[in-house]
């Protein structure tokens, strides 16, 4: 039987430990980054978003509208700051709109 580290571990701490021990954080970060994009950008942008993928520290976002892509590219720095604030950590260093 496995030895418990602490019998009073709350659920989020227990999940955090599990994620860390099983090296799942990168996968969780990818999901979190995609969720942050969807939440921050709202329906107007999400209707034209065809893909969101985090690779290393770069968030790749595929958009079906070249006009929207051009418009968003003007605010990349602000978008990165908003995403990192939403994520609660400095996860996205670069944003690539395609």
PDB file of N, CA and C in Angstrom:
ATOM      1  N   UNK A   1       0.839  -1.188   0.000  1.00  0.00           N
ATOM      2  CA  UNK A   1       0.000   0.000   0.000  1.00  0.00           C
ATOM      3  C   UNK A   1       0.885   1.253   0.000  1.00  0.00           C
ATOM      4  N   UNK A   2       0.528   2.226  -0.810  1.00  0.00           N
ATOM      5  CA  UNK A   2       1.308   3.448  -0.931  1.00  0.00           C
ATOM      6  C   UNK A   2       1.213   4.270   0.347  1.00  0.00           C
ATOM      7  N   UNK A   3       2.324   4.873   0.715  1.00  0.00           N
ATOM      8  CA  UNK A   3       2.366   5.719   1.901  1.00  0.00           C
ATOM      9  C   UNK A   3       1.863   7.113   1.541  1.00  0.00           C
ATOM     10  N   UNK A   4       0.972   7.646   2.335  1.00  0.00           N
ATOM     11  CA  UNK A   4       0.473   9.004   2.108  1.00  0.00           C
ATOM     12  C   UNK A   4       1.447  10.016   2.666  1.00  0.00           C
ATOM     13  N   UNK A   5       1.668  11.086   1.908  1.00  0.00           N
ATOM     14  CA  UNK A   5       2.546  12.155   2.385  1.00  0.00           C
ATOM     15  C   UNK A   5       1.874  12.920   3.513  1.00  0.00           C
ATOM     16  N   UNK A   6       0.617  13.219   3.326  1.00  0.00           N
ATOM     17  CA  UNK A   6      -0.113  14.048   4.280  1.00  0.00           C
ATOM     18  C   UNK A   6      -1.594  13.714   4.129  1.00  0.00           C
ATOM     19  N   UNK A   7      -2.206  13.293   5.201  1.00  0.00           N
ATOM     20  CA  UNK A   7      -3.603  12.878   5.110  1.00  0.00           C
ATOM     21  C   UNK A   7      -4.557  14.061   4.974  1.00  0.00           C
ATOM     22  N   UNK A   8      -4.052  15.276   5.183  1.00  0.00           N
ATOM     23  CA  UNK A   8      -4.910  16.458   5.097  1.00  0.00           C
ATOM     24  C   UNK A   8      -4.609  17.314   3.872  1.00  0.00           C
ATOM     25  N   UNK A   9      -4.208  16.706   2.779  1.00  0.00           N
ATOM     26  CA  UNK A   9      -3.916  17.424   1.545  1.00  0.00           C
ATOM     27  C   UNK A   9      -5.238  17.790   0.871  1.00  0.00           C
ATOM     28  N   UNK A  10      -5.418  19.067   0.523  1.00  0.00           N
ATOM     29  CA  UNK A  10      -6.669  19.399  -0.155  1.00  0.00           C
ATOM     30  C   UNK A  10      -6.601  18.943  -1.615  1.00  0.00           C
ATOM     31  N   UNK A  11      -7.723  18.935  -2.279  1.00  0.00           N
ATOM     32  CA  UNK A  11      -7.818  18.379  -3.626  1.00  0.00           C
ATOM     33  C   UNK A  11      -6.912  19.079  -4.627  1.00  0.00           C
ATOM     34  N   UNK A  12      -6.876  20.420  -4.608  1.00  0.00           N
ATOM     35  CA  UNK A  12      -6.040  21.126  -5.595  1.00  0.00           C
ATOM     36  C   UNK A  12      -4.556  20.840  -5.356  1.00  0.00           C
ATOM     37  N   UNK A  13      -4.150  20.739  -4.084  1.00  0.00           N
ATOM     38  CA  UNK A  13      -2.752  20.397  -3.782  1.00  0.00           C
ATOM     39  C   UNK A  13      -2.444  18.974  -4.225  1.00  0.00           C
ATOM     40  N   UNK A  14      -3.383  18.068  -3.980  1.00  0.00           N
ATOM     41  CA  UNK A  14      -3.201  16.669  -4.373  1.00  0.00           C
ATOM     42  C   UNK A  14      -3.074  16.559  -5.892  1.00  0.00           C
ATOM     43  N   UNK A  15      -3.944  17.279  -6.623  1.00  0.00           N
ATOM     44  CA  UNK A  15      -3.868  17.276  -8.088  1.00  0.00           C
ATOM     45  C   UNK A  15      -2.559  17.884  -8.570  1.00  0.00           C
ATOM     46  N   UNK A  16      -2.146  18.960  -7.916  1.00  0.00           N
ATOM     47  CA  UNK A  16      -0.884  19.614  -8.266  1.00  0.00           C
ATOM     48  C   UNK A  16       0.285  18.664  -8.104  1.00  0.00           C
ATOM     49  N   UNK A  17       0.296  17.927  -6.995  1.00  0.00           N
ATOM     50  CA  UNK A  17       1.355  16.933  -6.742  1.00  0.00           C
ATOM     51  C   UNK A  17       1.336  15.849  -7.816  1.00  0.00           C
ATOM     52  N   UNK A  18       0.131  15.362  -8.119  1.00  0.00           N
ATOM     53  CA  UNK A  18      -0.021  14.303  -9.128  1.00  0.00           C
ATOM     54  C   UNK A  18       0.506  14.776 -10.484  1.00  0.00           C
ATOM     55  N   UNK A  19       0.130  15.993 -10.855  1.00  0.00           N
ATOM     56  CA  UNK A  19       0.545  16.560 -12.142  1.00  0.00           C
ATOM     57  C   UNK A  19       2.066  16.701 -12.181  1.00  0.00           C
ATOM     58  N   UNK A  20       2.644  17.215 -11.096  1.00  0.00           N
ATOM     59  CA  UNK A  20       4.090  17.418 -11.037  1.00  0.00           C
ATOM     60  C   UNK A  20       4.826  16.074 -11.098  1.00  0.00           C
ATOM     61  N   UNK A  21       4.380  15.117 -10.288  1.00  0.00           N
ATOM     62  CA  UNK A  21       5.041  13.817 -10.231  1.00  0.00           C
ATOM     63  C   UNK A  21       4.950  13.075 -11.557  1.00  0.00           C
ATOM     64  N   UNK A  22       3.896  13.289 -12.300  1.00  0.00           N
ATOM     65  CA  UNK A  22       3.701  12.573 -13.556  1.00  0.00           C
ATOM     66  C   UNK A  22       4.070  13.415 -14.778  1.00  0.00           C
ATOM     67  N   UNK A  23       4.708  14.543 -14.523  1.00  0.00           N
ATOM     68  CA  UNK A  23       5.197  15.424 -15.590  1.00  0.00           C
ATOM     69  C   UNK A  23       4.101  15.778 -16.606  1.00  0.00           C
ATOM     70  N   UNK A  24       2.953  16.127 -16.084  1.00  0.00           N
ATOM     71  CA  UNK A  24       1.806  16.466 -16.934  1.00  0.00           C
ATOM     72  C   UNK A  24       1.629  17.974 -17.078  1.00  0.00           C
ATOM     73  N   UNK A  25       2.499  18.757 -16.452  1.00  0.00           N
ATOM     74  CA  UNK A  25       2.297  20.203 -16.431  1.00  0.00           C
ATOM     75  C   UNK A  25       2.270  20.812 -17.832  1.00  0.00           C
ATOM     76  N   UNK A  26       3.134  20.326 -18.739  1.00  0.00           N
ATOM     77  CA  UNK A  26       3.141  20.875 -20.098  1.00  0.00           C
ATOM     78  C   UNK A  26       1.794  20.694 -20.773  1.00  0.00           C
ATOM     79  N   UNK A  27       1.201  19.530 -20.600  1.00  0.00           N
ATOM     80  CA  UNK A  27      -0.108  19.257 -21.183  1.00  0.00           C
ATOM     81  C   UNK A  27      -1.180  20.149 -20.575  1.00  0.00           C
ATOM     82  N   UNK A  28      -1.095  20.330 -19.265  1.00  0.00           N
ATOM     83  CA  UNK A  28      -2.056  21.191 -18.576  1.00  0.00           C
ATOM     84  C   UNK A  28      -1.886  22.644 -19.043  1.00  0.00           C
ATOM     85  N   UNK A  29      -0.637  23.067 -19.219  1.00  0.00           N
ATOM     86  CA  UNK A  29      -0.371  24.428 -19.687  1.00  0.00           C
ATOM     87  C   UNK A  29      -0.982  24.650 -21.065  1.00  0.00           C
ATOM     88  N   UNK A  30      -0.899  23.631 -21.934  1.00  0.00           N
ATOM     89  CA  UNK A  30      -1.470  23.747 -23.286  1.00  0.00           C
ATOM     90  C   UNK A  30      -2.981  23.954 -23.216  1.00  0.00           C
ATOM     91  N   UNK A  31      -3.628  23.174 -22.358  1.00  0.00           N
ATOM     92  CA  UNK A  31      -5.078  23.289 -22.188  1.00  0.00           C
ATOM     93  C   UNK A  31      -5.425  24.647 -21.582  1.00  0.00           C
ATOM     94  N   UNK A  32      -4.663  25.047 -20.561  1.00  0.00           N
ATOM     95  CA  UNK A  32      -4.912  26.326 -19.892  1.00  0.00           C
ATOM     96  C   UNK A  32      -4.740  27.503 -20.850  1.00  0.00           C
ATOM     97  N   UNK A  33      -3.718  27.443 -21.704  1.00  0.00           N
ATOM     98  CA  UNK A  33      -3.464  28.530 -22.656  1.00  0.00           C
ATOM     99  C   UNK A  33      -4.619  28.644 -23.651  1.00  0.00           C
ATOM    100  N   UNK A  34      -5.099  27.500 -24.120  1.00  0.00           N
ATOM    101  CA  UNK A  34      -6.222  27.507 -25.063  1.00  0.00           C
ATOM    102  C   UNK A  34      -7.473  28.076 -24.384  1.00  0.00           C
ATOM    103  N   UNK A  35      -7.728  27.641 -23.154  1.00  0.00           N
ATOM    104  CA  UNK A  35      -8.885  28.143 -22.400  1.00  0.00           C
ATOM    105  C   UNK A  35      -8.784  29.652 -22.169  1.00  0.00           C
ATOM    106  N   UNK A  36      -7.578  30.120 -21.867  1.00  0.00           N
ATOM    107  CA  UNK A  36      -7.369  31.554 -21.614  1.00  0.00           C
ATOM    108  C   UNK A  36      -7.662  32.359 -22.878  1.00  0.00           C
ATOM    109  N   UNK A  37      -7.216  31.847 -24.037  1.00  0.00           N
ATOM    110  CA  UNK A  37      -7.487  32.525 -25.313  1.00  0.00           C
ATOM    111  C   UNK A  37      -8.994  32.645 -25.533  1.00  0.00           C
ATOM    112  N   UNK A  38      -9.691  31.533 -25.380  1.00  0.00           N
ATOM    113  CA  UNK A  38     -11.145  31.491 -25.603  1.00  0.00           C
ATOM    114  C   UNK A  38     -11.849  32.467 -24.657  1.00  0.00           C
ATOM    115  N   UNK A  39     -11.449  32.458 -23.393  1.00  0.00           N
ATOM    116  CA  UNK A  39     -12.091  33.309 -22.391  1.00  0.00           C
ATOM    117  C   UNK A  39     -11.827  34.794 -22.657  1.00  0.00           C
ATOM    118  N   UNK A  40     -10.588  35.126 -22.967  1.00  0.00           N
ATOM    119  CA  UNK A  40     -10.222  36.536 -23.148  1.00  0.00           C
ATOM    120  C   UNK A  40     -10.715  37.133 -24.454  1.00  0.00           C
ATOM    121  N   UNK A  41     -10.738  36.341 -25.508  1.00  0.00           N
ATOM    122  CA  UNK A  41     -11.054  36.878 -26.833  1.00  0.00           C
ATOM    123  C   UNK A  41     -12.549  36.996 -27.106  1.00  0.00           C
ATOM    124  N   UNK A  42     -13.358  36.226 -26.430  1.00  0.00           N
ATOM    125  CA  UNK A  42     -14.798  36.320 -26.628  1.00  0.00           C
ATOM    126  C   UNK A  42     -15.260  35.747 -27.959  1.00  0.00           C
ATOM    127  N   UNK A  43     -16.563  35.708 -28.160  1.00  0.00           N
ATOM    128  CA  UNK A  43     -17.146  35.067 -29.345  1.00  0.00           C
ATOM    129  C   UNK A  43     -16.720  35.694 -30.662  1.00  0.00           C
ATOM    130  N   UNK A  44     -16.589  37.013 -30.689  1.00  0.00           N
ATOM    131  CA  UNK A  44     -16.217  37.694 -31.931  1.00  0.00           C
ATOM    132  C   UNK A  44     -14.944  37.133 -32.543  1.00  0.00           C
ATOM    133  N   UNK A  45     -13.924  36.944 -31.728  1.00  0.00           N
ATOM    134  CA  UNK A  45     -12.653  36.411 -32.209  1.00  0.00           C
ATOM    135  C   UNK A  45     -12.709  34.885 -32.304  1.00  0.00           C
ATOM    136  N   UNK A  46     -13.349  34.259 -31.331  1.00  0.00           N
ATOM    137  CA  UNK A  46     -13.390  32.785 -31.309  1.00  0.00           C
ATOM    138  C   UNK A  46     -14.120  32.191 -32.510  1.00  0.00           C
ATOM    139  N   UNK A  47     -15.065  32.941 -33.073  1.00  0.00           N
ATOM    140  CA  UNK A  47     -15.755  32.467 -34.279  1.00  0.00           C
ATOM    141  C   UNK A  47     -14.796  32.326 -35.459  1.00  0.00           C
ATOM    142  N   UNK A  48     -13.695  33.077 -35.428  1.00  0.00           N
ATOM    143  CA  UNK A  48     -12.703  33.020 -36.509  1.00  0.00           C
ATOM    144  C   UNK A  48     -11.436  32.253 -36.118  1.00  0.00           C
ATOM    145  N   UNK A  49     -11.409  31.740 -34.880  1.00  0.00           N
ATOM    146  CA  UNK A  49     -10.249  30.982 -34.399  1.00  0.00           C
ATOM    147  C   UNK A  49     -10.422  29.524 -34.789  1.00  0.00           C
ATOM    148  N   UNK A  50      -9.484  29.008 -35.583  1.00  0.00           N
ATOM    149  CA  UNK A  50      -9.592  27.612 -36.028  1.00  0.00           C
ATOM    150  C   UNK A  50      -8.636  26.694 -35.281  1.00  0.00           C
ATOM    151  N   UNK A  51      -7.709  27.273 -34.515  1.00  0.00           N
ATOM    152  CA  UNK A  51      -6.794  26.447 -33.738  1.00  0.00           C
ATOM    153  C   UNK A  51      -5.947  27.274 -32.801  1.00  0.00           C
ATOM    154  N   UNK A  52      -5.693  26.710 -31.602  1.00  0.00           N
ATOM    155  CA  UNK A  52      -4.834  27.357 -30.618  1.00  0.00           C
ATOM    156  C   UNK A  52      -3.907  26.283 -30.071  1.00  0.00           C
ATOM    157  N   UNK A  53      -2.599  26.514 -30.200  1.00  0.00           N
ATOM    158  CA  UNK A  53      -1.657  25.510 -29.727  1.00  0.00           C
ATOM    159  C   UNK A  53      -0.441  26.168 -29.091  1.00  0.00           C
ATOM    160  N   UNK A  54      -0.092  25.690 -27.899  1.00  0.00           N
ATOM    161  CA  UNK A  54       1.083  26.182 -27.200  1.00  0.00           C
ATOM    162  C   UNK A  54       2.234  25.217 -27.452  1.00  0.00           C
ATOM    163  N   UNK A  55       3.324  25.741 -28.014  1.00  0.00           N
ATOM    164  CA  UNK A  55       4.546  24.950 -28.220  1.00  0.00           C
ATOM    165  C   UNK A  55       5.672  25.700 -27.549  1.00  0.00           C
ATOM    166  N   UNK A  56       6.298  25.058 -26.574  1.00  0.00           N
ATOM    167  CA  UNK A  56       7.306  25.709 -25.738  1.00  0.00           C
ATOM    168  C   UNK A  56       6.683  26.965 -25.140  1.00  0.00           C
ATOM    169  N   UNK A  57       7.177  28.126 -25.453  1.00  0.00           N
ATOM    170  CA  UNK A  57       6.599  29.347 -24.871  1.00  0.00           C
ATOM    171  C   UNK A  57       5.929  30.202 -25.936  1.00  0.00           C
ATOM    172  N   UNK A  58       5.588  29.574 -27.070  1.00  0.00           N
ATOM    173  CA  UNK A  58       4.950  30.280 -28.180  1.00  0.00           C
ATOM    174  C   UNK A  58       3.520  29.778 -28.349  1.00  0.00           C
ATOM    175  N   UNK A  59       2.581  30.709 -28.391  1.00  0.00           N
ATOM    176  CA  UNK A  59       1.188  30.354 -28.640  1.00  0.00           C
ATOM    177  C   UNK A  59       0.893  30.591 -30.117  1.00  0.00           C
ATOM    178  N   UNK A  60       0.537  29.516 -30.808  1.00  0.00           N
ATOM    179  CA  UNK A  60       0.191  29.594 -32.224  1.00  0.00           C
ATOM    180  C   UNK A  60      -1.327  29.638 -32.329  1.00  0.00           C
ATOM    181  N   UNK A  61      -1.848  30.665 -32.968  1.00  0.00           N
ATOM    182  CA  UNK A  61      -3.293  30.800 -33.128  1.00  0.00           C
ATOM    183  C   UNK A  61      -3.609  30.883 -34.616  1.00  0.00           C
ATOM    184  N   UNK A  62      -4.443  29.969 -35.075  1.00  0.00           N
ATOM    185  CA  UNK A  62      -4.879  29.970 -36.477  1.00  0.00           C
ATOM    186  C   UNK A  62      -6.204  30.703 -36.568  1.00  0.00           C
ATOM    187  N   UNK A  63      -6.259  31.649 -37.481  1.00  0.00           N
ATOM    188  CA  UNK A  63      -7.466  32.458 -37.671  1.00  0.00           C
ATOM    189  C   UNK A  63      -7.934  32.350 -39.123  1.00  0.00           C
ATOM    190  N   UNK A  64      -9.248  32.321 -39.310  1.00  0.00           N
ATOM    191  CA  UNK A  64      -9.792  32.202 -40.662  1.00  0.00           C
ATOM    192  C   UNK A  64     -10.004  33.565 -41.321  1.00  0.00           C
ATOM    193  N   UNK A  65      -9.714  34.638 -40.600  1.00  0.00           N
ATOM    194  CA  UNK A  65      -9.900  35.987 -41.151  1.00  0.00           C
ATOM    195  C   UNK A  65      -8.567  36.731 -41.189  1.00  0.00           C
ATOM    196  N   UNK A  66      -8.132  37.096 -42.392  1.00  0.00           N
ATOM    197  CA  UNK A  66      -6.866  37.828 -42.529  1.00  0.00           C
ATOM    198  C   UNK A  66      -6.994  39.238 -41.947  1.00  0.00           C
ATOM    199  N   UNK A  67      -8.175  39.818 -42.021  1.00  0.00           N
ATOM    200  CA  UNK A  67      -8.397  41.162 -41.476  1.00  0.00           C
ATOM    201  C   UNK A  67      -8.251  41.128 -39.948  1.00  0.00           C
ATOM    202  N   UNK A  68      -8.860  40.132 -39.321  1.00  0.00           N
ATOM    203  CA  UNK A  68      -8.774  39.978 -37.869  1.00  0.00           C
ATOM    204  C   UNK A  68      -7.327  39.680 -37.455  1.00  0.00           C
ATOM    205  N   UNK A  69      -6.663  38.824 -38.210  1.00  0.00           N
ATOM    206  CA  UNK A  69      -5.259  38.473 -37.919  1.00  0.00           C
ATOM    207  C   UNK A  69      -4.408  39.747 -37.909  1.00  0.00           C
ATOM    208  N   UNK A  70      -4.614  40.602 -38.910  1.00  0.00           N
ATOM    209  CA  UNK A  70      -3.877  41.863 -39.020  1.00  0.00           C
ATOM    210  C   UNK A  70      -4.174  42.765 -37.827  1.00  0.00           C
ATOM    211  N   UNK A  71      -5.441  42.853 -37.465  1.00  0.00           N
ATOM    212  CA  UNK A  71      -5.859  43.707 -36.359  1.00  0.00           C
ATOM    213  C   UNK A  71      -5.273  43.227 -35.030  1.00  0.00           C
ATOM    214  N   UNK A  72      -5.346  41.912 -34.788  1.00  0.00           N
ATOM    215  CA  UNK A  72      -4.824  41.353 -33.537  1.00  0.00           C
ATOM    216  C   UNK A  72      -3.304  41.468 -33.462  1.00  0.00           C
ATOM    217  N   UNK A  73      -2.638  41.391 -34.608  1.00  0.00           N
ATOM    218  CA  UNK A  73      -1.175  41.447 -34.605  1.00  0.00           C
ATOM    219  C   UNK A  73      -0.665  42.796 -34.089  1.00  0.00           C
ATOM    220  N   UNK A  74      -1.500  43.839 -34.211  1.00  0.00           N
ATOM    221  CA  UNK A  74      -1.122  45.163 -33.710  1.00  0.00           C
ATOM    222  C   UNK A  74      -1.065  45.189 -32.183  1.00  0.00           C
ATOM    223  N   UNK A  75      -1.818  44.290 -31.543  1.00  0.00           N
ATOM    224  CA  UNK A  75      -1.871  44.286 -30.077  1.00  0.00           C
ATOM    225  C   UNK A  75      -1.248  43.058 -29.449  1.00  0.00           C
ATOM    226  N   UNK A  76      -0.288  42.433 -30.135  1.00  0.00           N
ATOM    227  CA  UNK A  76       0.326  41.193 -29.642  1.00  0.00           C
ATOM    228  C   UNK A  76       0.871  41.304 -28.222  1.00  0.00           C
ATOM    229  N   UNK A  77       1.588  42.387 -27.949  1.00  0.00           N
ATOM    230  CA  UNK A  77       2.206  42.556 -26.626  1.00  0.00           C
ATOM    231  C   UNK A  77       1.142  42.591 -25.531  1.00  0.00           C
ATOM    232  N   UNK A  78       0.075  43.315 -25.800  1.00  0.00           N
ATOM    233  CA  UNK A  78      -1.009  43.418 -24.820  1.00  0.00           C
ATOM    234  C   UNK A  78      -1.723  42.071 -24.655  1.00  0.00           C
ATOM    235  N   UNK A  79      -1.926  41.366 -25.751  1.00  0.00           N
ATOM    236  CA  UNK A  79      -2.590  40.056 -25.705  1.00  0.00           C
ATOM    237  C   UNK A  79      -1.749  39.073 -24.881  1.00  0.00           C
ATOM    238  N   UNK A  80      -0.438  39.066 -25.099  1.00  0.00           N
ATOM    239  CA  UNK A  80       0.450  38.182 -24.343  1.00  0.00           C
ATOM    240  C   UNK A  80       0.366  38.497 -22.848  1.00  0.00           C
ATOM    241  N   UNK A  81       0.385  39.785 -22.516  1.00  0.00           N
ATOM    242  CA  UNK A  81       0.292  40.208 -21.112  1.00  0.00           C
ATOM    243  C   UNK A  81      -1.029  39.760 -20.494  1.00  0.00           C
ATOM    244  N   UNK A  82      -2.129  39.925 -21.245  1.00  0.00           N
ATOM    245  CA  UNK A  82      -3.455  39.522 -20.755  1.00  0.00           C
ATOM    246  C   UNK A  82      -3.530  38.006 -20.558  1.00  0.00           C
ATOM    247  N   UNK A  83      -2.968  37.249 -21.506  1.00  0.00           N
ATOM    248  CA  UNK A  83      -2.973  35.787 -21.402  1.00  0.00           C
ATOM    249  C   UNK A  83      -2.196  35.337 -20.165  1.00  0.00           C
ATOM    250  N   UNK A  84      -1.012  35.887 -19.969  1.00  0.00           N
ATOM    251  CA  UNK A  84      -0.183  35.499 -18.828  1.00  0.00           C
ATOM    252  C   UNK A  84      -0.837  35.877 -17.506  1.00  0.00           C
ATOM    253  N   UNK A  85      -1.525  37.019 -17.500  1.00  0.00           N
ATOM    254  CA  UNK A  85      -2.231  37.430 -16.285  1.00  0.00           C
ATOM    255  C   UNK A  85      -3.365  36.441 -15.995  1.00  0.00           C
ATOM    256  N   UNK A  86      -4.091  36.060 -17.028  1.00  0.00           N
ATOM    257  CA  UNK A  86      -5.184  35.097 -16.886  1.00  0.00           C
ATOM    258  C   UNK A  86      -4.652  33.741 -16.412  1.00  0.00           C
ATOM    259  N   UNK A  87      -3.485  33.350 -16.918  1.00  0.00           N
ATOM    260  CA  UNK A  87      -2.882  32.062 -16.559  1.00  0.00           C
ATOM    261  C   UNK A  87      -2.217  32.097 -15.188  1.00  0.00           C
ATOM    262  N   UNK A  88      -1.946  33.282 -14.692  1.00  0.00           N
ATOM    263  CA  UNK A  88      -1.314  33.405 -13.390  1.00  0.00           C
ATOM    264  C   UNK A  88       0.171  33.080 -13.402  1.00  0.00           C
ATOM    265  N   UNK A  89       0.741  32.987 -14.586  1.00  0.00           N
ATOM    266  CA  UNK A  89       2.187  32.772 -14.703  1.00  0.00           C
ATOM    267  C   UNK A  89       2.641  33.190 -16.086  1.00  0.00           C
ATOM    268  N   UNK A  90       3.942  33.402 -16.219  1.00  0.00           N
ATOM    269  CA  UNK A  90       4.525  33.883 -17.466  1.00  0.00           C
ATOM    270  C   UNK A  90       4.736  32.714 -18.425  1.00  0.00           C
ATOM    271  N   UNK A  91       3.665  32.226 -19.008  1.00  0.00           N
ATOM    272  CA  UNK A  91       3.714  31.013 -19.816  1.00  0.00           C
ATOM    273  C   UNK A  91       3.933  31.321 -21.297  1.00  0.00           C
ATOM    274  N   UNK A  92       3.300  32.380 -21.790  1.00  0.00           N
ATOM    275  CA  UNK A  92       3.367  32.729 -23.205  1.00  0.00           C
ATOM    276  C   UNK A  92       4.384  33.863 -23.395  1.00  0.00           C
ATOM    277  N   UNK A  93       5.428  33.584 -24.153  1.00  0.00           N
ATOM    278  CA  UNK A  93       6.462  34.595 -24.419  1.00  0.00           C
ATOM    279  C   UNK A  93       6.282  35.204 -25.810  1.00  0.00           C
ATOM    280  N   UNK A  94       5.670  34.412 -26.711  1.00  0.00           N
ATOM    281  CA  UNK A  94       5.526  34.843 -28.104  1.00  0.00           C
ATOM    282  C   UNK A  94       4.156  34.413 -28.628  1.00  0.00           C
ATOM    283  N   UNK A  95       3.560  35.250 -29.460  1.00  0.00           N
ATOM    284  CA  UNK A  95       2.267  34.950 -30.073  1.00  0.00           C
ATOM    285  C   UNK A  95       2.426  34.957 -31.581  1.00  0.00           C
ATOM    286  N   UNK A  96       2.064  33.840 -32.212  1.00  0.00           N
ATOM    287  CA  UNK A  96       2.126  33.743 -33.660  1.00  0.00           C
ATOM    288  C   UNK A  96       0.718  33.572 -34.192  1.00  0.00           C
ATOM    289  N   UNK A  97       0.284  34.549 -34.979  1.00  0.00           N
ATOM    290  CA  UNK A  97      -1.048  34.505 -35.588  1.00  0.00           C
ATOM    291  C   UNK A  97      -0.896  34.038 -37.026  1.00  0.00           C
ATOM    292  N   UNK A  98      -1.649  33.013 -37.383  1.00  0.00           N
ATOM    293  CA  UNK A  98      -1.524  32.497 -38.745  1.00  0.00           C
ATOM    294  C   UNK A  98      -2.861  32.146 -39.335  1.00  0.00           C
TER     295      UNK A  98
END
